[in-house]
Amino acid sequence: MTLSQQQQESVDLVRHWVEEGRPLRELCQDVVSHLRAGYPHYSWVGVYMVEGAVLRLWAWDGPAPTQHVEIPLHSGVCGWAASTGETVNVPDVNQDPRYLQCFLQTRSELVVPIRRGSTVYGEIDIDSDALAAFGPQDEAFVQAICDLLAQRAAAEALTGRTLGA
């Protein structure tokens, strides 16, 4: 899938941050702030990282904090994505029984694992106030960002979660 020029510029910027050795926590905050500022249909953006049997919120940008600062693996859309290593694109959160409500105005959600090989380090979680806000191009774009974050997570020797273990 071909990314838009804006999306490719964002990937190149994150690649630059990774290559300069920016610490992962700082990198995560910079990424969520950049994504939210640059993509208006991204209403809330967060990075959750695997810490033992839970996902812990490391960074976020949006109009308000979420109450879900810790999510058990296998719980909700986020837990499912981290447990399976698969991207989840929910066009209507009211139709998905896995959805854990954070904000009343959220209508769709995209969760992309930060994964390298069989190791899942975390995920980017994006909410939108619009129904069916995310398409294949969003998925490919966010996956490219997650691949870069996974590279940095591996360089920092984060443990993550091995799929199938």
Protein backbone atom coordinates (compact mmCIF):
# COMPACT_ATOMS: atom_id res chain seq x y z
CA MET A 1 0.00 0.00 0.00
CA THR A 2 1.34 3.40 -0.96
CA LEU A 3 1.34 5.98 1.80
CA SER A 4 0.34 9.59 1.22
CA GLN A 5 3.13 12.15 1.11
CA GLN A 6 2.16 13.37 4.59
CA GLN A 7 2.20 9.83 5.97
CA GLN A 8 5.59 9.09 4.38
CA GLU A 9 7.00 12.31 5.86
CA SER A 10 5.72 11.21 9.28
CA VAL A 11 7.37 7.78 8.91
CA ASP A 12 10.62 9.48 7.84
CA LEU A 13 10.47 11.77 10.88
CA VAL A 14 9.96 8.86 13.28
CA ARG A 15 12.77 6.95 11.55
CA HIS A 16 15.03 9.96 12.17
CA TRP A 17 14.06 10.00 15.85
CA VAL A 18 14.80 6.27 16.13
CA GLU A 19 18.14 6.58 14.34
CA GLU A 20 19.26 9.41 16.60
CA GLY A 21 18.73 7.05 19.54
CA ARG A 22 15.87 8.90 21.20
CA PRO A 23 14.82 6.95 24.36
CA LEU A 24 11.69 4.88 23.79
CA ARG A 25 9.49 6.63 26.38
CA GLU A 26 10.32 10.02 24.90
CA LEU A 27 9.88 8.63 21.40
CA CYS A 28 6.43 7.28 22.26
CA GLN A 29 5.25 10.67 23.52
CA ASP A 30 6.64 12.44 20.47
CA VAL A 31 4.89 9.93 18.18
CA VAL A 32 1.45 10.25 19.78
CA SER A 33 1.68 14.04 19.82
CA HIS A 34 2.77 14.11 16.17
CA LEU A 35 0.01 11.74 15.06
CA ARG A 36 -2.75 13.58 16.88
CA ALA A 37 -1.59 17.00 15.66
CA GLY A 38 -1.15 15.91 12.05
CA TYR A 39 -4.15 13.66 11.46
CA PRO A 40 -7.45 15.31 12.46
CA HIS A 41 -9.47 12.07 12.43
CA TYR A 42 -7.14 10.69 15.14
CA SER A 43 -9.09 12.01 18.16
CA TRP A 44 -7.02 10.26 20.84
CA VAL A 45 -3.70 8.46 20.38
CA GLY A 46 -1.93 6.32 22.95
CA VAL A 47 0.96 3.91 23.24
CA TYR A 48 0.54 0.94 25.56
CA MET A 49 3.54 -1.26 26.32
CA VAL A 50 3.52 -4.84 27.57
CA GLU A 51 4.65 -5.07 31.19
CA GLY A 52 4.20 -8.60 32.48
CA ALA A 53 0.55 -9.62 32.13
CA VAL A 54 -0.75 -6.11 31.42
CA LEU A 55 -0.56 -3.30 28.91
CA ARG A 56 0.56 -0.07 30.58
CA LEU A 57 -0.09 3.36 29.09
CA TRP A 58 3.27 4.98 28.36
CA ALA A 59 2.16 7.99 26.32
CA TRP A 60 -1.01 9.64 25.09
CA ASP A 61 -2.35 12.75 23.40
CA GLY A 62 -5.98 13.74 23.30
CA PRO A 63 -8.58 16.00 24.82
CA ALA A 64 -8.64 14.00 28.09
CA PRO A 65 -6.77 11.19 29.83
CA THR A 66 -8.18 7.68 29.71
CA GLN A 67 -9.17 5.73 32.81
CA HIS A 68 -7.56 2.68 31.17
CA VAL A 69 -3.94 3.22 32.17
CA GLU A 70 -3.50 -0.52 32.68
CA ILE A 71 -5.26 -3.20 30.62
CA PRO A 72 -4.93 -6.93 31.28
CA LEU A 73 -3.73 -8.93 28.29
CA HIS A 74 -6.68 -10.63 26.57
CA SER A 75 -9.02 -7.84 27.77
CA GLY A 76 -10.70 -5.47 25.35
CA VAL A 77 -9.62 -4.64 21.83
CA CYS A 78 -6.18 -3.55 23.05
CA GLY A 79 -5.57 -6.72 25.04
CA TRP A 80 -6.71 -8.84 22.12
CA ALA A 81 -4.34 -7.10 19.69
CA ALA A 82 -1.39 -7.49 22.06
CA SER A 83 -2.23 -11.14 22.74
CA THR A 84 -2.59 -12.10 19.08
CA GLY A 85 -0.09 -9.71 17.50
CA GLU A 86 -2.76 -8.72 14.97
CA THR A 87 -4.02 -5.29 13.96
CA VAL A 88 -7.62 -4.57 14.96
CA ASN A 89 -9.68 -2.04 13.01
CA VAL A 90 -13.09 -1.53 14.62
CA PRO A 91 -15.32 0.62 12.36
CA ASP A 92 -18.08 0.88 15.00
CA VAL A 93 -17.04 0.35 18.62
CA ASN A 94 -20.67 -0.08 19.65
CA GLN A 95 -20.79 -3.27 17.57
CA ASP A 96 -17.67 -4.91 19.04
CA PRO A 97 -18.20 -6.66 22.40
CA ARG A 98 -14.45 -6.46 23.14
CA TYR A 99 -14.50 -2.66 23.23
CA LEU A 100 -13.67 -1.07 26.61
CA GLN A 101 -15.26 2.37 26.57
CA CYS A 102 -12.94 5.27 27.28
CA PHE A 103 -14.80 8.22 25.82
CA LEU A 104 -18.49 8.59 24.98
CA GLN A 105 -17.73 10.27 21.65
CA THR A 106 -15.47 7.48 20.33
CA ARG A 107 -17.01 5.75 17.32
CA SER A 108 -14.11 3.75 15.84
CA GLU A 109 -10.76 2.40 17.00
CA LEU A 110 -7.54 1.22 15.39
CA VAL A 111 -5.02 -0.83 17.39
CA VAL A 112 -1.70 -1.80 15.79
CA PRO A 113 0.83 -3.97 17.63
CA ILE A 114 4.39 -2.82 18.13
CA ARG A 115 5.86 -6.13 17.08
CA ARG A 116 9.15 -7.58 15.89
CA GLY A 117 9.02 -11.19 14.79
CA SER A 118 7.10 -13.14 17.42
CA THR A 119 7.64 -10.51 20.13
CA VAL A 120 4.92 -7.97 20.87
CA TYR A 121 6.27 -4.99 22.81
CA GLY A 122 3.10 -2.93 22.88
CA GLU A 123 0.73 -1.12 20.54
CA ILE A 124 -0.51 2.16 19.22
CA ASP A 125 -4.19 2.71 20.05
CA ILE A 126 -6.10 5.35 18.08
CA ASP A 127 -9.68 6.44 18.70
CA SER A 128 -11.79 8.48 16.32
CA ASP A 129 -15.05 10.33 16.85
CA ALA A 130 -16.12 9.28 13.32
CA LEU A 131 -17.58 5.92 12.31
CA ALA A 132 -15.32 3.80 10.07
CA ALA A 133 -12.57 6.41 10.31
CA PHE A 134 -9.68 4.07 9.51
CA GLY A 135 -8.93 2.35 6.24
CA PRO A 136 -6.16 0.11 4.90
CA GLN A 137 -3.92 3.13 4.34
CA ASP A 138 -4.18 4.11 8.02
CA GLU A 139 -3.37 0.52 8.98
CA ALA A 140 -0.27 0.45 6.73
CA PHE A 141 0.85 3.87 7.96
CA VAL A 142 0.52 3.09 11.66
CA GLN A 143 2.16 -0.31 11.08
CA ALA A 144 5.19 1.45 9.58
CA ILE A 145 5.41 3.63 12.71
CA CYS A 146 5.00 0.57 14.98
CA ASP A 147 7.78 -1.25 13.12
CA LEU A 148 10.12 1.64 13.96
CA LEU A 149 9.03 1.66 17.61
CA ALA A 150 9.64 -2.11 17.75
CA GLN A 151 13.15 -1.55 16.44
CA ARG A 152 13.79 0.90 19.28
CA ALA A 153 12.16 -1.40 21.87
CA ALA A 154 14.44 -4.25 20.79
CA ALA A 155 17.47 -1.95 20.96
CA GLU A 156 16.52 -1.08 24.55
CA ALA A 157 16.16 -4.82 25.31
CA LEU A 158 12.52 -4.64 26.37
CA THR A 159 11.09 -8.06 27.08
CA GLY A 160 7.66 -7.79 25.50
CA ARG A 161 5.48 -10.85 25.08
CA THR A 162 6.33 -13.81 22.87
CA LEU A 163 3.33 -14.94 20.81
CA GLY A 164 2.31 -18.51 21.52
CA ALA A 165 4.09 -18.57 24.87
